[in-house]
Amino acid sequence: MREFAFALAAVMFVAPIAGAEEPLVFHRAQFDDATVVSLGLVSNRTTERPGYDYDVVISLWQTDARGGAIYSDPGKHRALVKCGDPAKVSVRGVDYTVPTSGAGGEDWKTDLWRAVCETPVS
C-alpha cells in the first residue's frame, strides 16, 4: 500500500509539470508525403536585450500522416522578437524583418511574431 501511495503522489506531482511544458504550436508545415513538421513556443519572456521585446524558446517535432511521432528535436532553439516597428525575429544573431500585415501561415518567423506579439481577440 505504501508503494501505491508513493507512486500516486509522484504522478500527482509530475503531471502538472508535464502539462505546463506543453508547447504552444505556432507553425505547421505539411509536405507532399504527409509529413508534418510543427514548431512550438516552449517559453516566452521579456528580455532586457536592447532592440528586442521577448526572448523565446522554440521546439520542433515531426509526425506522420496519422499523427504518429517520427522525430522530436531534443534541442531547444532560442530566438529574440521585436514587436514594434521594425518588427523582427532574430535567430543566431541574424535579424529577419517580419511583415505585420497579411495572412501569415507560410513563414515560421511571421507566425512566431504573431504568436508572441499579437493579442488574441475573443
PDB file of N, CA and C in Angstrom:
ATOM      1  N   MET A   1       0.821  -1.192   0.000  1.00  0.00           N
ATOM      2  CA  MET A   1       0.000   0.000   0.000  1.00  0.00           C
ATOM      3  C   MET A   1       0.869   1.262   0.000  1.00  0.00           C
ATOM      4  N   ARG A   2       1.967   1.217   0.740  1.00  0.00           N
ATOM      5  CA  ARG A   2       2.854   2.358   0.813  1.00  0.00           C
ATOM      6  C   ARG A   2       3.428   2.686  -0.571  1.00  0.00           C
ATOM      7  N   GLU A   3       3.810   1.637  -1.340  1.00  0.00           N
ATOM      8  CA  GLU A   3       4.358   1.861  -2.675  1.00  0.00           C
ATOM      9  C   GLU A   3       3.314   2.513  -3.586  1.00  0.00           C
ATOM     10  N   PHE A   4       2.060   2.075  -3.472  1.00  0.00           N
ATOM     11  CA  PHE A   4       0.991   2.642  -4.294  1.00  0.00           C
ATOM     12  C   PHE A   4       0.796   4.124  -3.962  1.00  0.00           C
ATOM     13  N   ALA A   5       0.781   4.466  -2.684  1.00  0.00           N
ATOM     14  CA  ALA A   5       0.609   5.855  -2.281  1.00  0.00           C
ATOM     15  C   ALA A   5       1.784   6.701  -2.758  1.00  0.00           C
ATOM     16  N   PHE A   6       2.985   6.172  -2.672  1.00  0.00           N
ATOM     17  CA  PHE A   6       4.156   6.902  -3.136  1.00  0.00           C
ATOM     18  C   PHE A   6       4.086   7.124  -4.645  1.00  0.00           C
ATOM     19  N   ALA A   7       3.708   6.090  -5.392  1.00  0.00           N
ATOM     20  CA  ALA A   7       3.597   6.206  -6.848  1.00  0.00           C
ATOM     21  C   ALA A   7       2.515   7.216  -7.226  1.00  0.00           C
ATOM     22  N   LEU A   8       1.384   7.174  -6.540  1.00  0.00           N
ATOM     23  CA  LEU A   8       0.302   8.117  -6.813  1.00  0.00           C
ATOM     24  C   LEU A   8       0.743   9.550  -6.522  1.00  0.00           C
ATOM     25  N   ALA A   9       1.432   9.747  -5.420  1.00  0.00           N
ATOM     26  CA  ALA A   9       1.921  11.085  -5.078  1.00  0.00           C
ATOM     27  C   ALA A   9       2.924  11.570  -6.118  1.00  0.00           C
ATOM     28  N   ALA A  10       3.782  10.688  -6.591  1.00  0.00           N
ATOM     29  CA  ALA A  10       4.772  11.060  -7.605  1.00  0.00           C
ATOM     30  C   ALA A  10       4.088  11.470  -8.899  1.00  0.00           C
ATOM     31  N   VAL A  11       3.066  10.719  -9.315  1.00  0.00           N
ATOM     32  CA  VAL A  11       2.340  11.050 -10.541  1.00  0.00           C
ATOM     33  C   VAL A  11       1.629  12.387 -10.388  1.00  0.00           C
ATOM     34  N   MET A  12       1.010  12.628  -9.229  1.00  0.00           N
ATOM     35  CA  MET A  12       0.302  13.882  -9.000  1.00  0.00           C
ATOM     36  C   MET A  12       1.266  15.069  -9.009  1.00  0.00           C
ATOM     37  N   PHE A  13       2.498  14.851  -8.538  1.00  0.00           N
ATOM     38  CA  PHE A  13       3.485  15.916  -8.520  1.00  0.00           C
ATOM     39  C   PHE A  13       4.017  16.210  -9.918  1.00  0.00           C
ATOM     40  N   VAL A  14       4.256  15.187 -10.719  1.00  0.00           N
ATOM     41  CA  VAL A  14       4.855  15.348 -12.040  1.00  0.00           C
ATOM     42  C   VAL A  14       3.827  15.774 -13.083  1.00  0.00           C
ATOM     43  N   ALA A  15       2.581  15.367 -12.995  1.00  0.00           N
ATOM     44  CA  ALA A  15       1.567  15.655 -14.021  1.00  0.00           C
ATOM     45  C   ALA A  15       1.396  17.143 -14.304  1.00  0.00           C
ATOM     46  N   PRO A  16       1.267  18.006 -13.299  1.00  0.00           N
ATOM     47  CA  PRO A  16       1.129  19.431 -13.624  1.00  0.00           C
ATOM     48  C   PRO A  16       2.365  19.996 -14.307  1.00  0.00           C
ATOM     49  N   ILE A  17       3.540  19.499 -13.940  1.00  0.00           N
ATOM     50  CA  ILE A  17       4.767  19.971 -14.557  1.00  0.00           C
ATOM     51  C   ILE A  17       4.798  19.563 -16.020  1.00  0.00           C
ATOM     52  N   ALA A  18       4.445  18.320 -16.335  1.00  0.00           N
ATOM     53  CA  ALA A  18       4.451  17.857 -17.717  1.00  0.00           C
ATOM     54  C   ALA A  18       3.467  18.657 -18.552  1.00  0.00           C
ATOM     55  N   GLY A  19       2.308  18.935 -18.025  1.00  0.00           N
ATOM     56  CA  GLY A  19       1.312  19.717 -18.750  1.00  0.00           C
ATOM     57  C   GLY A  19       1.768  21.144 -18.977  1.00  0.00           C
ATOM     58  N   ALA A  20       2.514  21.685 -18.037  1.00  0.00           N
ATOM     59  CA  ALA A  20       2.976  23.057 -18.157  1.00  0.00           C
ATOM     60  C   ALA A  20       4.019  23.203 -19.252  1.00  0.00           C
ATOM     61  N   GLU A  21       4.707  22.121 -19.606  1.00  0.00           N
ATOM     62  CA  GLU A  21       5.752  22.183 -20.603  1.00  0.00           C
ATOM     63  C   GLU A  21       5.230  21.946 -22.011  1.00  0.00           C
ATOM     64  N   GLU A  22       3.953  21.723 -22.181  1.00  0.00           N
ATOM     65  CA  GLU A  22       3.371  21.509 -23.499  1.00  0.00           C
ATOM     66  C   GLU A  22       3.512  22.778 -24.323  1.00  0.00           C
ATOM     67  N   PRO A  23       4.250  22.714 -25.451  1.00  0.00           N
ATOM     68  CA  PRO A  23       4.455  23.939 -26.228  1.00  0.00           C
ATOM     69  C   PRO A  23       3.205  24.381 -26.978  1.00  0.00           C
ATOM     70  N   LEU A  24       3.087  25.675 -27.177  1.00  0.00           N
ATOM     71  CA  LEU A  24       2.024  26.255 -27.983  1.00  0.00           C
ATOM     72  C   LEU A  24       2.467  26.166 -29.437  1.00  0.00           C
ATOM     73  N   VAL A  25       1.757  25.402 -30.251  1.00  0.00           N
ATOM     74  CA  VAL A  25       2.113  25.270 -31.660  1.00  0.00           C
ATOM     75  C   VAL A  25       1.796  26.582 -32.365  1.00  0.00           C
ATOM     76  N   PHE A  26       2.804  27.172 -32.991  1.00  0.00           N
ATOM     77  CA  PHE A  26       2.589  28.429 -33.703  1.00  0.00           C
ATOM     78  C   PHE A  26       2.772  28.284 -35.212  1.00  0.00           C
ATOM     79  N   HIS A  27       3.338  27.165 -35.659  1.00  0.00           N
ATOM     80  CA  HIS A  27       3.524  26.976 -37.105  1.00  0.00           C
ATOM     81  C   HIS A  27       3.564  25.478 -37.426  1.00  0.00           C
ATOM     82  N   ARG A  28       2.880  25.121 -38.514  1.00  0.00           N
ATOM     83  CA  ARG A  28       2.914  23.748 -39.026  1.00  0.00           C
ATOM     84  C   ARG A  28       3.180  23.797 -40.524  1.00  0.00           C
ATOM     85  N   ALA A  29       4.010  22.892 -40.983  1.00  0.00           N
ATOM     86  CA  ALA A  29       4.270  22.759 -42.417  1.00  0.00           C
ATOM     87  C   ALA A  29       3.984  21.319 -42.809  1.00  0.00           C
ATOM     88  N   GLN A  30       3.129  21.131 -43.814  1.00  0.00           N
ATOM     89  CA  GLN A  30       2.799  19.785 -44.281  1.00  0.00           C
ATOM     90  C   GLN A  30       3.438  19.580 -45.648  1.00  0.00           C
ATOM     91  N   PHE A  31       4.049  18.417 -45.831  1.00  0.00           N
ATOM     92  CA  PHE A  31       4.754  18.105 -47.064  1.00  0.00           C
ATOM     93  C   PHE A  31       3.986  17.072 -47.870  1.00  0.00           C
ATOM     94  N   ASP A  32       4.372  16.892 -49.134  1.00  0.00           N
ATOM     95  CA  ASP A  32       3.666  16.006 -50.058  1.00  0.00           C
ATOM     96  C   ASP A  32       3.554  14.568 -49.557  1.00  0.00           C
ATOM     97  N   ASP A  33       4.530  14.104 -48.798  1.00  0.00           N
ATOM     98  CA  ASP A  33       4.490  12.726 -48.288  1.00  0.00           C
ATOM     99  C   ASP A  33       3.689  12.610 -46.993  1.00  0.00           C
ATOM    100  N   ALA A  34       2.903  13.630 -46.655  1.00  0.00           N
ATOM    101  CA  ALA A  34       2.045  13.688 -45.464  1.00  0.00           C
ATOM    102  C   ALA A  34       2.832  13.853 -44.171  1.00  0.00           C
ATOM    103  N   THR A  35       4.095  14.194 -44.284  1.00  0.00           N
ATOM    104  CA  THR A  35       4.889  14.517 -43.109  1.00  0.00           C
ATOM    105  C   THR A  35       4.511  15.919 -42.650  1.00  0.00           C
ATOM    106  N   VAL A  36       4.383  16.081 -41.344  1.00  0.00           N
ATOM    107  CA  VAL A  36       4.056  17.379 -40.770  1.00  0.00           C
ATOM    108  C   VAL A  36       5.165  17.769 -39.798  1.00  0.00           C
ATOM    109  N   VAL A  37       5.697  18.959 -39.991  1.00  0.00           N
ATOM    110  CA  VAL A  37       6.694  19.498 -39.068  1.00  0.00           C
ATOM    111  C   VAL A  37       6.021  20.626 -38.298  1.00  0.00           C
ATOM    112  N   SER A  38       6.094  20.548 -36.974  1.00  0.00           N
ATOM    113  CA  SER A  38       5.462  21.541 -36.105  1.00  0.00           C
ATOM    114  C   SER A  38       6.516  22.274 -35.298  1.00  0.00           C
ATOM    115  N   LEU A  39       6.292  23.565 -35.113  1.00  0.00           N
ATOM    116  CA  LEU A  39       7.147  24.389 -34.267  1.00  0.00           C
ATOM    117  C   LEU A  39       6.306  24.867 -33.094  1.00  0.00           C
ATOM    118  N   GLY A  40       6.857  24.748 -31.899  1.00  0.00           N
ATOM    119  CA  GLY A  40       6.120  25.136 -30.704  1.00  0.00           C
ATOM    120  C   GLY A  40       6.873  26.147 -29.866  1.00  0.00           C
ATOM    121  N   LEU A  41       6.120  27.008 -29.220  1.00  0.00           N
ATOM    122  CA  LEU A  41       6.666  28.017 -28.327  1.00  0.00           C
ATOM    123  C   LEU A  41       6.741  27.411 -26.924  1.00  0.00           C
ATOM    124  N   VAL A  42       7.955  27.127 -26.486  1.00  0.00           N
ATOM    125  CA  VAL A  42       8.168  26.487 -25.187  1.00  0.00           C
ATOM    126  C   VAL A  42       8.161  27.514 -24.064  1.00  0.00           C
ATOM    127  N   SER A  43       8.837  28.636 -24.292  1.00  0.00           N
ATOM    128  CA  SER A  43       8.839  29.697 -23.284  1.00  0.00           C
ATOM    129  C   SER A  43       8.891  31.049 -23.975  1.00  0.00           C
ATOM    130  N   ASN A  44       8.393  32.036 -23.271  1.00  0.00           N
ATOM    131  CA  ASN A  44       8.271  33.376 -23.810  1.00  0.00           C
ATOM    132  C   ASN A  44       8.395  34.326 -22.625  1.00  0.00           C
ATOM    133  N   ARG A  45       9.482  35.088 -22.607  1.00  0.00           N
ATOM    134  CA  ARG A  45       9.652  36.036 -21.504  1.00  0.00           C
ATOM    135  C   ARG A  45      10.227  37.339 -22.028  1.00  0.00           C
ATOM    136  N   THR A  46       9.956  38.407 -21.322  1.00  0.00           N
ATOM    137  CA  THR A  46      10.506  39.694 -21.737  1.00  0.00           C
ATOM    138  C   THR A  46      12.022  39.646 -21.605  1.00  0.00           C
ATOM    139  N   THR A  47      12.669  40.442 -22.432  1.00  0.00           N
ATOM    140  CA  THR A  47      14.125  40.449 -22.414  1.00  0.00           C
ATOM    141  C   THR A  47      14.644  41.848 -22.145  1.00  0.00           C
ATOM    142  N   GLU A  48      15.838  41.908 -21.631  1.00  0.00           N
ATOM    143  CA  GLU A  48      16.492  43.190 -21.418  1.00  0.00           C
ATOM    144  C   GLU A  48      17.475  43.490 -22.540  1.00  0.00           C
ATOM    145  N   ARG A  49      17.510  42.626 -23.554  1.00  0.00           N
ATOM    146  CA  ARG A  49      18.396  42.859 -24.703  1.00  0.00           C
ATOM    147  C   ARG A  49      17.904  44.082 -25.463  1.00  0.00           C
ATOM    148  N   PRO A  50      18.745  45.060 -25.688  1.00  0.00           N
ATOM    149  CA  PRO A  50      18.336  46.260 -26.420  1.00  0.00           C
ATOM    150  C   PRO A  50      17.845  45.921 -27.827  1.00  0.00           C
ATOM    151  N   GLY A  51      16.735  46.532 -28.211  1.00  0.00           N
ATOM    152  CA  GLY A  51      16.197  46.342 -29.548  1.00  0.00           C
ATOM    153  C   GLY A  51      15.234  45.181 -29.683  1.00  0.00           C
ATOM    154  N   TYR A  52      14.965  44.459 -28.595  1.00  0.00           N
ATOM    155  CA  TYR A  52      14.049  43.314 -28.631  1.00  0.00           C
ATOM    156  C   TYR A  52      13.095  43.386 -27.452  1.00  0.00           C
ATOM    157  N   ASP A  53      11.944  42.753 -27.618  1.00  0.00           N
ATOM    158  CA  ASP A  53      10.948  42.719 -26.553  1.00  0.00           C
ATOM    159  C   ASP A  53      10.905  41.382 -25.822  1.00  0.00           C
ATOM    160  N   TYR A  54      11.108  40.283 -26.558  1.00  0.00           N
ATOM    161  CA  TYR A  54      10.945  38.952 -25.976  1.00  0.00           C
ATOM    162  C   TYR A  54      12.092  38.030 -26.334  1.00  0.00           C
ATOM    163  N   ASP A  55      12.408  37.156 -25.395  1.00  0.00           N
ATOM    164  CA  ASP A  55      13.360  36.071 -25.569  1.00  0.00           C
ATOM    165  C   ASP A  55      12.520  34.798 -25.528  1.00  0.00           C
ATOM    166  N   VAL A  56      12.540  34.022 -26.609  1.00  0.00           N
ATOM    167  CA  VAL A  56      11.675  32.840 -26.686  1.00  0.00           C
ATOM    168  C   VAL A  56      12.505  31.588 -26.918  1.00  0.00           C
ATOM    169  N   VAL A  57      11.898  30.449 -26.588  1.00  0.00           N
ATOM    170  CA  VAL A  57      12.498  29.153 -26.858  1.00  0.00           C
ATOM    171  C   VAL A  57      11.505  28.357 -27.702  1.00  0.00           C
ATOM    172  N   ILE A  58      12.024  27.762 -28.774  1.00  0.00           N
ATOM    173  CA  ILE A  58      11.206  27.047 -29.757  1.00  0.00           C
ATOM    174  C   ILE A  58      11.588  25.571 -29.771  1.00  0.00           C
ATOM    175  N   SER A  59      10.579  24.708 -29.917  1.00  0.00           N
ATOM    176  CA  SER A  59      10.826  23.284 -30.103  1.00  0.00           C
ATOM    177  C   SER A  59      10.346  22.871 -31.489  1.00  0.00           C
ATOM    178  N   LEU A  60      10.821  21.728 -31.954  1.00  0.00           N
ATOM    179  CA  LEU A  60      10.481  21.234 -33.281  1.00  0.00           C
ATOM    180  C   LEU A  60      10.230  19.741 -33.199  1.00  0.00           C
ATOM    181  N   TRP A  61       9.162  19.270 -33.879  1.00  0.00           N
ATOM    182  CA  TRP A  61       8.921  17.836 -33.965  1.00  0.00           C
ATOM    183  C   TRP A  61       8.242  17.511 -35.284  1.00  0.00           C
ATOM    184  N   GLN A  62       8.361  16.243 -35.667  1.00  0.00           N
ATOM    185  CA  GLN A  62       7.842  15.774 -36.951  1.00  0.00           C
ATOM    186  C   GLN A  62       6.905  14.600 -36.695  1.00  0.00           C
ATOM    187  N   THR A  63       5.769  14.589 -37.404  1.00  0.00           N
ATOM    188  CA  THR A  63       4.807  13.492 -37.297  1.00  0.00           C
ATOM    189  C   THR A  63       4.485  12.969 -38.687  1.00  0.00           C
ATOM    190  N   ASP A  64       3.887  11.767 -38.721  1.00  0.00           N
ATOM    191  CA  ASP A  64       3.453  11.206 -39.999  1.00  0.00           C
ATOM    192  C   ASP A  64       1.993  11.547 -40.238  1.00  0.00           C
ATOM    193  N   ALA A  65       1.412  11.007 -41.308  1.00  0.00           N
ATOM    194  CA  ALA A  65       0.029  11.327 -41.701  1.00  0.00           C
ATOM    195  C   ALA A  65      -0.985  10.970 -40.622  1.00  0.00           C
ATOM    196  N   ARG A  66      -0.698   9.976 -39.815  1.00  0.00           N
ATOM    197  CA  ARG A  66      -1.630   9.555 -38.763  1.00  0.00           C
ATOM    198  C   ARG A  66      -1.364  10.252 -37.428  1.00  0.00           C
ATOM    199  N   GLY A  67      -0.420  11.171 -37.423  1.00  0.00           N
ATOM    200  CA  GLY A  67      -0.112  11.892 -36.189  1.00  0.00           C
ATOM    201  C   GLY A  67       0.905  11.190 -35.314  1.00  0.00           C
ATOM    202  N   GLY A  68       1.463  10.087 -35.794  1.00  0.00           N
ATOM    203  CA  GLY A  68       2.474   9.369 -35.029  1.00  0.00           C
ATOM    204  C   GLY A  68       3.806  10.094 -35.068  1.00  0.00           C
ATOM    205  N   ALA A  69       4.458  10.141 -33.935  1.00  0.00           N
ATOM    206  CA  ALA A  69       5.731  10.843 -33.840  1.00  0.00           C
ATOM    207  C   ALA A  69       6.808  10.120 -34.644  1.00  0.00           C
ATOM    208  N   ILE A  70       7.527  10.879 -35.447  1.00  0.00           N
ATOM    209  CA  ILE A  70       8.656  10.349 -36.208  1.00  0.00           C
ATOM    210  C   ILE A  70       9.953  10.846 -35.582  1.00  0.00           C
ATOM    211  N   TYR A  71       9.965  12.135 -35.245  1.00  0.00           N
ATOM    212  CA  TYR A  71      11.173  12.745 -34.701  1.00  0.00           C
ATOM    213  C   TYR A  71      10.797  13.912 -33.798  1.00  0.00           C
ATOM    214  N   SER A  72      11.486  13.998 -32.690  1.00  0.00           N
ATOM    215  CA  SER A  72      11.329  15.142 -31.797  1.00  0.00           C
ATOM    216  C   SER A  72      12.718  15.688 -31.522  1.00  0.00           C
ATOM    217  N   ASP A  73      12.966  16.906 -31.958  1.00  0.00           N
ATOM    218  CA  ASP A  73      14.272  17.530 -31.790  1.00  0.00           C
ATOM    219  C   ASP A  73      14.531  17.730 -30.301  1.00  0.00           C
ATOM    220  N   PRO A  74      15.593  17.147 -29.789  1.00  0.00           N
ATOM    221  CA  PRO A  74      15.864  17.291 -28.355  1.00  0.00           C
ATOM    222  C   PRO A  74      16.347  18.687 -27.975  1.00  0.00           C
ATOM    223  N   GLY A  75      16.769  19.465 -28.955  1.00  0.00           N
ATOM    224  CA  GLY A  75      17.276  20.810 -28.689  1.00  0.00           C
ATOM    225  C   GLY A  75      16.159  21.810 -28.506  1.00  0.00           C
ATOM    226  N   LYS A  76      16.454  22.852 -27.818  1.00  0.00           N
ATOM    227  CA  LYS A  76      15.546  23.989 -27.669  1.00  0.00           C
ATOM    228  C   LYS A  76      16.236  25.163 -28.336  1.00  0.00           C
ATOM    229  N   HIS A  77      15.542  25.824 -29.234  1.00  0.00           N
ATOM    230  CA  HIS A  77      16.140  26.850 -30.068  1.00  0.00           C
ATOM    231  C   HIS A  77      15.690  28.234 -29.624  1.00  0.00           C
ATOM    232  N   ARG A  78      16.652  29.113 -29.404  1.00  0.00           N
ATOM    233  CA  ARG A  78      16.377  30.459 -28.909  1.00  0.00           C
ATOM    234  C   ARG A  78      16.169  31.437 -30.044  1.00  0.00           C
ATOM    235  N   ALA A  79      15.290  32.388 -29.820  1.00  0.00           N
ATOM    236  CA  ALA A  79      15.073  33.487 -30.765  1.00  0.00           C
ATOM    237  C   ALA A  79      14.703  34.729 -29.970  1.00  0.00           C
ATOM    238  N   LEU A  80      14.933  35.875 -30.579  1.00  0.00           N
ATOM    239  CA  LEU A  80      14.531  37.147 -29.996  1.00  0.00           C
ATOM    240  C   LEU A  80      13.476  37.756 -30.900  1.00  0.00           C
ATOM    241  N   VAL A  81      12.503  38.436 -30.295  1.00  0.00           N
ATOM    242  CA  VAL A  81      11.389  39.004 -31.050  1.00  0.00           C
ATOM    243  C   VAL A  81      11.234  40.472 -30.684  1.00  0.00           C
ATOM    244  N   LYS A  82      11.076  41.298 -31.728  1.00  0.00           N
ATOM    245  CA  LYS A  82      10.757  42.706 -31.526  1.00  0.00           C
ATOM    246  C   LYS A  82       9.377  42.952 -32.105  1.00  0.00           C
ATOM    247  N   CYS A  83       8.449  43.407 -31.276  1.00  0.00           N
ATOM    248  CA  CYS A  83       7.065  43.613 -31.710  1.00  0.00           C
ATOM    249  C   CYS A  83       6.873  44.936 -32.436  1.00  0.00           C
ATOM    250  N   GLY A  84       7.560  45.989 -31.989  1.00  0.00           N
ATOM    251  CA  GLY A  84       7.378  47.319 -32.578  1.00  0.00           C
ATOM    252  C   GLY A  84       8.071  47.458 -33.920  1.00  0.00           C
ATOM    253  N   ASP A  85       7.912  48.644 -34.487  1.00  0.00           N
ATOM    254  CA  ASP A  85       8.470  48.923 -35.801  1.00  0.00           C
ATOM    255  C   ASP A  85       9.973  49.187 -35.690  1.00  0.00           C
ATOM    256  N   PRO A  86      10.821  48.528 -36.425  1.00  0.00           N
ATOM    257  CA  PRO A  86      10.504  47.489 -37.394  1.00  0.00           C
ATOM    258  C   PRO A  86      10.374  46.127 -36.707  1.00  0.00           C
ATOM    259  N   ALA A  87       9.290  45.422 -37.009  1.00  0.00           N
ATOM    260  CA  ALA A  87       9.051  44.097 -36.430  1.00  0.00           C
ATOM    261  C   ALA A  87      10.105  43.134 -36.960  1.00  0.00           C
ATOM    262  N   LYS A  88      10.652  42.309 -36.048  1.00  0.00           N
ATOM    263  CA  LYS A  88      11.691  41.383 -36.484  1.00  0.00           C
ATOM    264  C   LYS A  88      11.813  40.204 -35.539  1.00  0.00           C
ATOM    265  N   VAL A  89      12.417  39.149 -36.082  1.00  0.00           N
ATOM    266  CA  VAL A  89      12.768  37.959 -35.324  1.00  0.00           C
ATOM    267  C   VAL A  89      14.252  37.736 -35.560  1.00  0.00           C
ATOM    268  N   SER A  90      14.996  37.475 -34.503  1.00  0.00           N
ATOM    269  CA  SER A  90      16.429  37.253 -34.615  1.00  0.00           C
ATOM    270  C   SER A  90      16.749  35.817 -34.190  1.00  0.00           C
ATOM    271  N   VAL A  91      17.462  35.115 -35.061  1.00  0.00           N
ATOM    272  CA  VAL A  91      17.880  33.745 -34.783  1.00  0.00           C
ATOM    273  C   VAL A  91      19.381  33.652 -35.036  1.00  0.00           C
ATOM    274  N   ARG A  92      20.119  33.241 -34.018  1.00  0.00           N
ATOM    275  CA  ARG A  92      21.576  33.106 -34.105  1.00  0.00           C
ATOM    276  C   ARG A  92      22.235  34.385 -34.610  1.00  0.00           C
ATOM    277  N   GLY A  93      21.730  35.518 -34.150  1.00  0.00           N
ATOM    278  CA  GLY A  93      22.323  36.795 -34.493  1.00  0.00           C
ATOM    279  C   GLY A  93      21.916  37.371 -35.836  1.00  0.00           C
ATOM    280  N   VAL A  94      21.053  36.682 -36.574  1.00  0.00           N
ATOM    281  CA  VAL A  94      20.577  37.173 -37.864  1.00  0.00           C
ATOM    282  C   VAL A  94      19.162  37.703 -37.683  1.00  0.00           C
ATOM    283  N   ASP A  95      18.954  38.982 -38.062  1.00  0.00           N
ATOM    284  CA  ASP A  95      17.633  39.603 -37.956  1.00  0.00           C
ATOM    285  C   ASP A  95      16.833  39.363 -39.234  1.00  0.00           C
ATOM    286  N   TYR A  96      15.581  38.968 -39.052  1.00  0.00           N
ATOM    287  CA  TYR A  96      14.649  38.772 -40.158  1.00  0.00           C
ATOM    288  C   TYR A  96      13.493  39.745 -39.970  1.00  0.00           C
ATOM    289  N   THR A  97      13.286  40.616 -40.945  1.00  0.00           N
ATOM    290  CA  THR A  97      12.164  41.543 -40.894  1.00  0.00           C
ATOM    291  C   THR A  97      10.875  40.764 -41.068  1.00  0.00           C
ATOM    292  N   VAL A  98       9.863  41.133 -40.288  1.00  0.00           N
ATOM    293  CA  VAL A  98       8.582  40.424 -40.298  1.00  0.00           C
ATOM    294  C   VAL A  98       7.487  41.364 -40.783  1.00  0.00           C
ATOM    295  N   PRO A  99       6.747  40.954 -41.826  1.00  0.00           N
ATOM    296  CA  PRO A  99       5.602  41.770 -42.243  1.00  0.00           C
ATOM    297  C   PRO A  99       4.477  41.629 -41.223  1.00  0.00           C
ATOM    298  N   THR A 100       3.960  42.743 -40.747  1.00  0.00           N
ATOM    299  CA  THR A 100       2.925  42.690 -39.707  1.00  0.00           C
ATOM    300  C   THR A 100       1.524  42.640 -40.287  1.00  0.00           C
ATOM    301  N   SER A 101       1.405  42.761 -41.605  1.00  0.00           N
ATOM    302  CA  SER A 101       0.092  42.635 -42.238  1.00  0.00           C
ATOM    303  C   SER A 101       0.132  41.418 -43.163  1.00  0.00           C
ATOM    304  N   GLY A 102      -1.040  40.876 -43.468  1.00  0.00           N
ATOM    305  CA  GLY A 102      -1.110  39.690 -44.316  1.00  0.00           C
ATOM    306  C   GLY A 102      -1.613  38.505 -43.530  1.00  0.00           C
ATOM    307  N   ALA A 103      -1.829  37.424 -44.237  1.00  0.00           N
ATOM    308  CA  ALA A 103      -2.459  36.248 -43.643  1.00  0.00           C
ATOM    309  C   ALA A 103      -1.514  35.426 -42.784  1.00  0.00           C
ATOM    310  N   GLY A 104      -0.239  35.374 -43.129  1.00  0.00           N
ATOM    311  CA  GLY A 104       0.684  34.522 -42.394  1.00  0.00           C
ATOM    312  C   GLY A 104       0.495  33.068 -42.774  1.00  0.00           C
ATOM    313  N   GLY A 105       1.118  32.182 -42.023  1.00  0.00           N
ATOM    314  CA  GLY A 105       0.979  30.750 -42.266  1.00  0.00           C
ATOM    315  C   GLY A 105       2.022  30.156 -43.186  1.00  0.00           C
ATOM    316  N   GLU A 106       2.722  30.981 -43.958  1.00  0.00           N
ATOM    317  CA  GLU A 106       3.717  30.441 -44.873  1.00  0.00           C
ATOM    318  C   GLU A 106       5.132  30.538 -44.310  1.00  0.00           C
ATOM    319  N   ASP A 107       5.383  31.503 -43.464  1.00  0.00           N
ATOM    320  CA  ASP A 107       6.717  31.716 -42.924  1.00  0.00           C
ATOM    321  C   ASP A 107       6.690  31.543 -41.406  1.00  0.00           C
ATOM    322  N   TRP A 108       7.554  30.702 -40.886  1.00  0.00           N
ATOM    323  CA  TRP A 108       7.522  30.415 -39.459  1.00  0.00           C
ATOM    324  C   TRP A 108       7.896  31.637 -38.630  1.00  0.00           C
ATOM    325  N   LYS A 109       8.758  32.504 -39.155  1.00  0.00           N
ATOM    326  CA  LYS A 109       9.156  33.680 -38.386  1.00  0.00           C
ATOM    327  C   LYS A 109       7.985  34.646 -38.203  1.00  0.00           C
ATOM    328  N   THR A 110       7.190  34.806 -39.242  1.00  0.00           N
ATOM    329  CA  THR A 110       5.991  35.647 -39.133  1.00  0.00           C
ATOM    330  C   THR A 110       4.998  35.041 -38.154  1.00  0.00           C
ATOM    331  N   ASP A 111       4.821  33.728 -38.220  1.00  0.00           N
ATOM    332  CA  ASP A 111       3.901  33.059 -37.301  1.00  0.00           C
ATOM    333  C   ASP A 111       4.387  33.148 -35.854  1.00  0.00           C
ATOM    334  N   LEU A 112       5.707  33.057 -35.653  1.00  0.00           N
ATOM    335  CA  LEU A 112       6.259  33.219 -34.310  1.00  0.00           C
ATOM    336  C   LEU A 112       5.986  34.638 -33.809  1.00  0.00           C
ATOM    337  N   TRP A 113       6.237  35.643 -34.647  1.00  0.00           N
ATOM    338  CA  TRP A 113       5.996  37.030 -34.257  1.00  0.00           C
ATOM    339  C   TRP A 113       4.536  37.222 -33.854  1.00  0.00           C
ATOM    340  N   ARG A 114       3.617  36.663 -34.647  1.00  0.00           N
ATOM    341  CA  ARG A 114       2.188  36.798 -34.337  1.00  0.00           C
ATOM    342  C   ARG A 114       1.840  36.112 -33.015  1.00  0.00           C
ATOM    343  N   ALA A 115       2.392  34.928 -32.782  1.00  0.00           N
ATOM    344  CA  ALA A 115       2.094  34.205 -31.535  1.00  0.00           C
ATOM    345  C   ALA A 115       2.580  34.965 -30.318  1.00  0.00           C
ATOM    346  N   VAL A 116       3.676  35.694 -30.460  1.00  0.00           N
ATOM    347  CA  VAL A 116       4.256  36.423 -29.324  1.00  0.00           C
ATOM    348  C   VAL A 116       3.688  37.825 -29.183  1.00  0.00           C
ATOM    349  N   CYS A 117       3.487  38.511 -30.319  1.00  0.00           N
ATOM    350  CA  CYS A 117       3.190  39.951 -30.269  1.00  0.00           C
ATOM    351  C   CYS A 117       1.717  40.315 -30.414  1.00  0.00           C
ATOM    352  N   GLU A 118       0.933  39.502 -31.093  1.00  0.00           N
ATOM    353  CA  GLU A 118      -0.462  39.857 -31.289  1.00  0.00           C
ATOM    354  C   GLU A 118      -1.309  39.311 -30.148  1.00  0.00           C
ATOM    355  N   THR A 119      -2.135  40.175 -29.613  1.00  0.00           N
ATOM    356  CA  THR A 119      -3.026  39.784 -28.533  1.00  0.00           C
ATOM    357  C   THR A 119      -4.227  39.057 -29.113  1.00  0.00           C
ATOM    358  N   PRO A 120      -4.531  37.849 -28.619  1.00  0.00           N
ATOM    359  CA  PRO A 120      -5.704  37.135 -29.132  1.00  0.00           C
ATOM    360  C   PRO A 120      -6.993  37.909 -28.853  1.00  0.00           C
ATOM    361  N   VAL A 121      -7.895  37.894 -29.823  1.00  0.00           N
ATOM    362  CA  VAL A 121      -9.193  38.543 -29.674  1.00  0.00           C
ATOM    363  C   VAL A 121     -10.230  37.470 -29.470  1.00  0.00           C
ATOM    364  N   SER A 122     -11.007  37.599 -28.406  1.00  0.00           N
ATOM    365  CA  SER A 122     -12.013  36.561 -28.134  1.00  0.00           C
ATOM    366  C   SER A 122     -13.380  36.996 -28.609  1.00  0.00           C
TER     367      SER A 122
END
